[in-house]
């Protein structure tokens, strides 16, 4: 049998309406996504985590936006005023369940949103308040993150995972919904 004939047989099997075909299709999709798509995306973006799902409310903006965020004394401590934020990306922050597209963290500046290893189970995603190494960050949510966490004050270059480029709202809930029951009651559901 030639290659073309073999390919037609395989394609015909994958198009069948059977449990065996479905199982093989799912396995094939998993293998392609895990071993081809994500490694290629990592190579192109220059980061080991090219896509991340926001799992907490630390970057959530309430109806007041950045104005309330700047009531925290942390910004004043770093010499940053609300007027300095006019050109920052993600003026409206993130919601839990947003998918963030990430690129390598090059030329980090104040106001950028970076992803970094902070000793927790999952990387943190917060806004840069000091762009001199070691970096410092602060979550935007004024209700849950009024103070700066200790892990946000001394971020080395080797802890950087990447820099947020853009977000796709709420798509991450497809995955998060399966883990919500394992979280403490106060951390479940949408950000408030």
C-alpha atoms as a PDB file:
ATOM      1  CA  UNK A   1       0.000   0.000   0.000  1.00  0.00           C
ATOM      2  CA  UNK A   2       1.399   3.426  -0.908  1.00  0.00           C
ATOM      3  CA  UNK A   3       1.538   6.446   1.422  1.00  0.00           C
ATOM      4  CA  UNK A   4      -1.481   8.089  -0.191  1.00  0.00           C
ATOM      5  CA  UNK A   5      -3.604   4.950   0.244  1.00  0.00           C
ATOM      6  CA  UNK A   6      -2.458   4.547   3.847  1.00  0.00           C
ATOM      7  CA  UNK A   7      -3.331   8.203   4.606  1.00  0.00           C
ATOM      8  CA  UNK A   8      -6.809   7.729   3.080  1.00  0.00           C
ATOM      9  CA  UNK A   9      -7.399   4.683   5.322  1.00  0.00           C
ATOM     10  CA  UNK A  10      -6.299   6.580   8.445  1.00  0.00           C
ATOM     11  CA  UNK A  11      -8.371   9.649   7.497  1.00  0.00           C
ATOM     12  CA  UNK A  12     -11.389   7.462   6.812  1.00  0.00           C
ATOM     13  CA  UNK A  13     -11.014   5.822  10.240  1.00  0.00           C
ATOM     14  CA  UNK A  14     -10.750   9.213  11.999  1.00  0.00           C
ATOM     15  CA  UNK A  15     -13.932  10.411  10.271  1.00  0.00           C
ATOM     16  CA  UNK A  16     -15.900   7.312  11.363  1.00  0.00           C
ATOM     17  CA  UNK A  17     -18.701   7.734  13.867  1.00  0.00           C
ATOM     18  CA  UNK A  18     -17.365   5.202  16.396  1.00  0.00           C
ATOM     19  CA  UNK A  19     -15.985   5.133  19.933  1.00  0.00           C
ATOM     20  CA  UNK A  20     -12.631   3.806  18.677  1.00  0.00           C
ATOM     21  CA  UNK A  21     -12.314   6.687  16.221  1.00  0.00           C
ATOM     22  CA  UNK A  22     -13.238   9.209  18.925  1.00  0.00           C
ATOM     23  CA  UNK A  23     -10.670   7.764  21.348  1.00  0.00           C
ATOM     24  CA  UNK A  24      -7.882   7.795  18.740  1.00  0.00           C
ATOM     25  CA  UNK A  25      -8.818  11.353  17.706  1.00  0.00           C
ATOM     26  CA  UNK A  26      -8.658  12.565  21.328  1.00  0.00           C
ATOM     27  CA  UNK A  27      -5.284  10.886  21.899  1.00  0.00           C
ATOM     28  CA  UNK A  28      -3.953  12.319  18.641  1.00  0.00           C
ATOM     29  CA  UNK A  29      -5.211  15.814  19.557  1.00  0.00           C
ATOM     30  CA  UNK A  30      -3.552  15.570  22.992  1.00  0.00           C
ATOM     31  CA  UNK A  31      -0.225  14.454  21.505  1.00  0.00           C
ATOM     32  CA  UNK A  32      -0.242  17.214  18.875  1.00  0.00           C
ATOM     33  CA  UNK A  33      -1.158  19.944  21.381  1.00  0.00           C
ATOM     34  CA  UNK A  34       1.282  18.784  24.081  1.00  0.00           C
ATOM     35  CA  UNK A  35       4.267  17.825  21.938  1.00  0.00           C
ATOM     36  CA  UNK A  36       3.944  20.051  18.859  1.00  0.00           C
ATOM     37  CA  UNK A  37       1.716  23.101  19.438  1.00  0.00           C
ATOM     38  CA  UNK A  38       2.919  24.201  22.905  1.00  0.00           C
ATOM     39  CA  UNK A  39       6.641  23.601  22.253  1.00  0.00           C
ATOM     40  CA  UNK A  40       6.358  25.554  18.980  1.00  0.00           C
ATOM     41  CA  UNK A  41       4.447  28.364  20.731  1.00  0.00           C
ATOM     42  CA  UNK A  42       7.057  28.431  23.529  1.00  0.00           C
ATOM     43  CA  UNK A  43       9.836  28.705  20.968  1.00  0.00           C
ATOM     44  CA  UNK A  44       8.130  31.540  19.087  1.00  0.00           C
ATOM     45  CA  UNK A  45       7.211  33.552  22.213  1.00  0.00           C
ATOM     46  CA  UNK A  46      10.469  32.977  24.086  1.00  0.00           C
ATOM     47  CA  UNK A  47       8.833  31.740  27.297  1.00  0.00           C
ATOM     48  CA  UNK A  48       8.066  28.379  28.865  1.00  0.00           C
ATOM     49  CA  UNK A  49       4.474  29.500  29.597  1.00  0.00           C
ATOM     50  CA  UNK A  50       3.090  31.170  26.467  1.00  0.00           C
ATOM     51  CA  UNK A  51      -0.509  30.945  27.733  1.00  0.00           C
ATOM     52  CA  UNK A  52      -1.620  31.345  31.349  1.00  0.00           C
ATOM     53  CA  UNK A  53      -5.018  31.336  33.018  1.00  0.00           C
ATOM     54  CA  UNK A  54      -5.691  33.940  35.695  1.00  0.00           C
ATOM     55  CA  UNK A  55      -6.661  31.930  38.788  1.00  0.00           C
ATOM     56  CA  UNK A  56      -7.077  34.669  41.385  1.00  0.00           C
ATOM     57  CA  UNK A  57      -8.526  38.143  41.767  1.00  0.00           C
ATOM     58  CA  UNK A  58      -5.242  39.944  42.553  1.00  0.00           C
ATOM     59  CA  UNK A  59      -5.347  41.913  39.274  1.00  0.00           C
ATOM     60  CA  UNK A  60      -9.120  42.451  39.210  1.00  0.00           C
ATOM     61  CA  UNK A  61     -10.359  46.026  38.823  1.00  0.00           C
ATOM     62  CA  UNK A  62     -13.603  46.970  40.425  1.00  0.00           C
ATOM     63  CA  UNK A  63     -15.839  49.603  38.899  1.00  0.00           C
ATOM     64  CA  UNK A  64     -13.430  52.308  40.104  1.00  0.00           C
ATOM     65  CA  UNK A  65     -10.510  51.042  37.982  1.00  0.00           C
ATOM     66  CA  UNK A  66      -6.949  52.196  38.573  1.00  0.00           C
ATOM     67  CA  UNK A  67      -8.028  55.229  40.623  1.00  0.00           C
ATOM     68  CA  UNK A  68      -8.837  53.030  43.645  1.00  0.00           C
ATOM     69  CA  UNK A  69      -5.734  50.924  43.047  1.00  0.00           C
ATOM     70  CA  UNK A  70      -3.548  53.991  43.475  1.00  0.00           C
ATOM     71  CA  UNK A  71      -4.965  54.630  46.939  1.00  0.00           C
ATOM     72  CA  UNK A  72      -2.465  52.030  48.142  1.00  0.00           C
ATOM     73  CA  UNK A  73       0.654  53.645  49.618  1.00  0.00           C
ATOM     74  CA  UNK A  74       2.825  51.152  47.724  1.00  0.00           C
ATOM     75  CA  UNK A  75       2.728  53.274  44.558  1.00  0.00           C
ATOM     76  CA  UNK A  76       3.706  56.393  46.480  1.00  0.00           C
ATOM     77  CA  UNK A  77       6.580  54.432  48.094  1.00  0.00           C
ATOM     78  CA  UNK A  78       7.947  53.751  44.592  1.00  0.00           C
ATOM     79  CA  UNK A  79       7.311  57.310  43.374  1.00  0.00           C
ATOM     80  CA  UNK A  80       4.497  56.350  40.998  1.00  0.00           C
ATOM     81  CA  UNK A  81       1.394  58.518  40.585  1.00  0.00           C
ATOM     82  CA  UNK A  82      -1.899  57.866  38.801  1.00  0.00           C
ATOM     83  CA  UNK A  83      -0.740  60.197  36.015  1.00  0.00           C
ATOM     84  CA  UNK A  84       2.190  57.864  35.328  1.00  0.00           C
ATOM     85  CA  UNK A  85      -0.237  55.049  34.473  1.00  0.00           C
ATOM     86  CA  UNK A  86      -1.822  56.657  31.400  1.00  0.00           C
ATOM     87  CA  UNK A  87       0.217  54.577  28.926  1.00  0.00           C
ATOM     88  CA  UNK A  88       0.098  51.297  30.820  1.00  0.00           C
ATOM     89  CA  UNK A  89      -1.352  48.169  29.236  1.00  0.00           C
ATOM     90  CA  UNK A  90      -4.269  46.409  30.908  1.00  0.00           C
ATOM     91  CA  UNK A  91      -5.881  49.556  32.278  1.00  0.00           C
ATOM     92  CA  UNK A  92      -8.891  47.408  33.206  1.00  0.00           C
ATOM     93  CA  UNK A  93      -6.862  44.641  34.863  1.00  0.00           C
ATOM     94  CA  UNK A  94      -7.734  40.945  34.646  1.00  0.00           C
ATOM     95  CA  UNK A  95     -10.623  38.831  35.774  1.00  0.00           C
ATOM     96  CA  UNK A  96     -10.354  35.314  37.056  1.00  0.00           C
ATOM     97  CA  UNK A  97     -10.591  32.971  34.065  1.00  0.00           C
ATOM     98  CA  UNK A  98      -8.934  35.317  31.556  1.00  0.00           C
ATOM     99  CA  UNK A  99      -6.332  33.654  29.343  1.00  0.00           C
ATOM    100  CA  UNK A 100      -3.167  35.723  29.032  1.00  0.00           C
ATOM    101  CA  UNK A 101      -0.836  35.455  26.039  1.00  0.00           C
ATOM    102  CA  UNK A 102       2.750  35.735  27.316  1.00  0.00           C
ATOM    103  CA  UNK A 103       6.040  36.649  25.624  1.00  0.00           C
ATOM    104  CA  UNK A 104       9.582  36.641  26.982  1.00  0.00           C
ATOM    105  CA  UNK A 105      10.237  39.358  29.561  1.00  0.00           C
ATOM    106  CA  UNK A 106      12.598  41.751  27.799  1.00  0.00           C
ATOM    107  CA  UNK A 107      12.996  45.457  28.535  1.00  0.00           C
ATOM    108  CA  UNK A 108      10.764  45.315  31.614  1.00  0.00           C
ATOM    109  CA  UNK A 109       9.479  48.736  32.621  1.00  0.00           C
ATOM    110  CA  UNK A 110       7.236  50.150  35.326  1.00  0.00           C
ATOM    111  CA  UNK A 111       3.600  49.423  34.512  1.00  0.00           C
ATOM    112  CA  UNK A 112       4.304  46.175  32.613  1.00  0.00           C
ATOM    113  CA  UNK A 113       2.490  43.084  33.811  1.00  0.00           C
ATOM    114  CA  UNK A 114       4.926  40.222  34.366  1.00  0.00           C
ATOM    115  CA  UNK A 115       4.580  36.575  35.247  1.00  0.00           C
ATOM    116  CA  UNK A 116       7.130  35.298  37.766  1.00  0.00           C
ATOM    117  CA  UNK A 117       7.866  32.343  40.002  1.00  0.00           C
ATOM    118  CA  UNK A 118       7.086  33.485  43.525  1.00  0.00           C
ATOM    119  CA  UNK A 119       7.523  30.285  45.474  1.00  0.00           C
ATOM    120  CA  UNK A 120       3.820  29.449  45.274  1.00  0.00           C
ATOM    121  CA  UNK A 121       2.317  26.473  43.475  1.00  0.00           C
ATOM    122  CA  UNK A 122       1.598  28.611  40.408  1.00  0.00           C
ATOM    123  CA  UNK A 123       3.419  31.649  38.995  1.00  0.00           C
ATOM    124  CA  UNK A 124       2.160  35.114  39.960  1.00  0.00           C
ATOM    125  CA  UNK A 125       1.040  37.770  37.486  1.00  0.00           C
ATOM    126  CA  UNK A 126       1.327  41.351  38.784  1.00  0.00           C
ATOM    127  CA  UNK A 127       2.218  44.860  37.661  1.00  0.00           C
ATOM    128  CA  UNK A 128       5.834  46.098  37.865  1.00  0.00           C
ATOM    129  CA  UNK A 129       6.393  49.010  40.280  1.00  0.00           C
ATOM    130  CA  UNK A 130      10.228  48.889  40.189  1.00  0.00           C
ATOM    131  CA  UNK A 131      11.947  47.914  36.934  1.00  0.00           C
ATOM    132  CA  UNK A 132      15.475  47.786  38.365  1.00  0.00           C
ATOM    133  CA  UNK A 133      16.652  44.298  39.230  1.00  0.00           C
ATOM    134  CA  UNK A 134      15.609  42.943  41.623  1.00  0.00           C
ATOM    135  CA  UNK A 135      12.169  43.828  40.295  1.00  0.00           C
ATOM    136  CA  UNK A 136       9.155  44.652  42.450  1.00  0.00           C
ATOM    137  CA  UNK A 137       5.482  44.208  41.603  1.00  0.00           C
ATOM    138  CA  UNK A 138       2.047  44.900  43.037  1.00  0.00           C
ATOM    139  CA  UNK A 139      -1.351  43.352  42.279  1.00  0.00           C
ATOM    140  CA  UNK A 140      -3.931  45.908  41.090  1.00  0.00           C
ATOM    141  CA  UNK A 141      -6.885  44.736  43.203  1.00  0.00           C
ATOM    142  CA  UNK A 142      -7.253  47.263  46.012  1.00  0.00           C
ATOM    143  CA  UNK A 143      -9.692  45.096  47.996  1.00  0.00           C
ATOM    144  CA  UNK A 144      -7.657  41.886  48.203  1.00  0.00           C
ATOM    145  CA  UNK A 145      -4.165  43.188  47.707  1.00  0.00           C
ATOM    146  CA  UNK A 146      -3.796  46.577  49.387  1.00  0.00           C
ATOM    147  CA  UNK A 147      -0.305  45.744  50.573  1.00  0.00           C
ATOM    148  CA  UNK A 148       2.685  44.423  48.695  1.00  0.00           C
ATOM    149  CA  UNK A 149       3.437  40.730  49.228  1.00  0.00           C
ATOM    150  CA  UNK A 150       6.944  39.850  50.434  1.00  0.00           C
ATOM    151  CA  UNK A 151       7.559  37.707  47.310  1.00  0.00           C
ATOM    152  CA  UNK A 152       6.862  40.799  45.165  1.00  0.00           C
ATOM    153  CA  UNK A 153       9.742  42.860  46.544  1.00  0.00           C
ATOM    154  CA  UNK A 154      12.813  40.910  45.391  1.00  0.00           C
ATOM    155  CA  UNK A 155      12.150  39.327  41.978  1.00  0.00           C
ATOM    156  CA  UNK A 156      15.318  38.224  40.210  1.00  0.00           C
ATOM    157  CA  UNK A 157      15.787  37.895  36.460  1.00  0.00           C
ATOM    158  CA  UNK A 158      15.803  34.087  36.756  1.00  0.00           C
ATOM    159  CA  UNK A 159      12.327  34.149  38.390  1.00  0.00           C
ATOM    160  CA  UNK A 160      10.782  35.909  35.361  1.00  0.00           C
ATOM    161  CA  UNK A 161       8.567  33.724  33.206  1.00  0.00           C
ATOM    162  CA  UNK A 162       7.393  36.404  30.805  1.00  0.00           C
ATOM    163  CA  UNK A 163       5.436  39.566  30.148  1.00  0.00           C
ATOM    164  CA  UNK A 164       1.686  39.752  29.455  1.00  0.00           C
ATOM    165  CA  UNK A 165       0.906  40.775  25.881  1.00  0.00           C
ATOM    166  CA  UNK A 166      -2.889  40.517  25.605  1.00  0.00           C
ATOM    167  CA  UNK A 167      -5.849  38.739  27.211  1.00  0.00           C
ATOM    168  CA  UNK A 168      -8.800  36.697  26.044  1.00  0.00           C
ATOM    169  CA  UNK A 169     -11.581  37.202  28.617  1.00  0.00           C
ATOM    170  CA  UNK A 170     -13.129  34.285  30.549  1.00  0.00           C
ATOM    171  CA  UNK A 171     -11.970  31.454  28.204  1.00  0.00           C
ATOM    172  CA  UNK A 172      -9.959  29.923  31.062  1.00  0.00           C
ATOM    173  CA  UNK A 173     -13.144  29.023  32.935  1.00  0.00           C
ATOM    174  CA  UNK A 174     -13.322  25.939  30.701  1.00  0.00           C
ATOM    175  CA  UNK A 175     -10.438  24.592  32.819  1.00  0.00           C
ATOM    176  CA  UNK A 176     -10.956  26.458  36.117  1.00  0.00           C
ATOM    177  CA  UNK A 177     -14.474  25.133  36.641  1.00  0.00           C
ATOM    178  CA  UNK A 178     -13.014  21.693  37.405  1.00  0.00           C
ATOM    179  CA  UNK A 179     -10.798  23.019  40.218  1.00  0.00           C
ATOM    180  CA  UNK A 180     -13.123  25.502  41.924  1.00  0.00           C
ATOM    181  CA  UNK A 181     -14.552  23.033  44.465  1.00  0.00           C
ATOM    182  CA  UNK A 182     -11.039  22.364  45.796  1.00  0.00           C
ATOM    183  CA  UNK A 183     -10.496  26.031  46.640  1.00  0.00           C
ATOM    184  CA  UNK A 184     -11.490  27.745  49.882  1.00  0.00           C
ATOM    185  CA  UNK A 185     -15.048  29.108  49.783  1.00  0.00           C
ATOM    186  CA  UNK A 186     -13.815  32.725  49.834  1.00  0.00           C
ATOM    187  CA  UNK A 187     -11.769  32.179  46.635  1.00  0.00           C
ATOM    188  CA  UNK A 188     -14.448  30.468  44.536  1.00  0.00           C
ATOM    189  CA  UNK A 189     -16.366  32.010  41.683  1.00  0.00           C
ATOM    190  CA  UNK A 190     -16.095  35.329  39.918  1.00  0.00           C
ATOM    191  CA  UNK A 191     -14.154  38.254  41.367  1.00  0.00           C
ATOM    192  CA  UNK A 192     -16.264  40.682  43.408  1.00  0.00           C
END
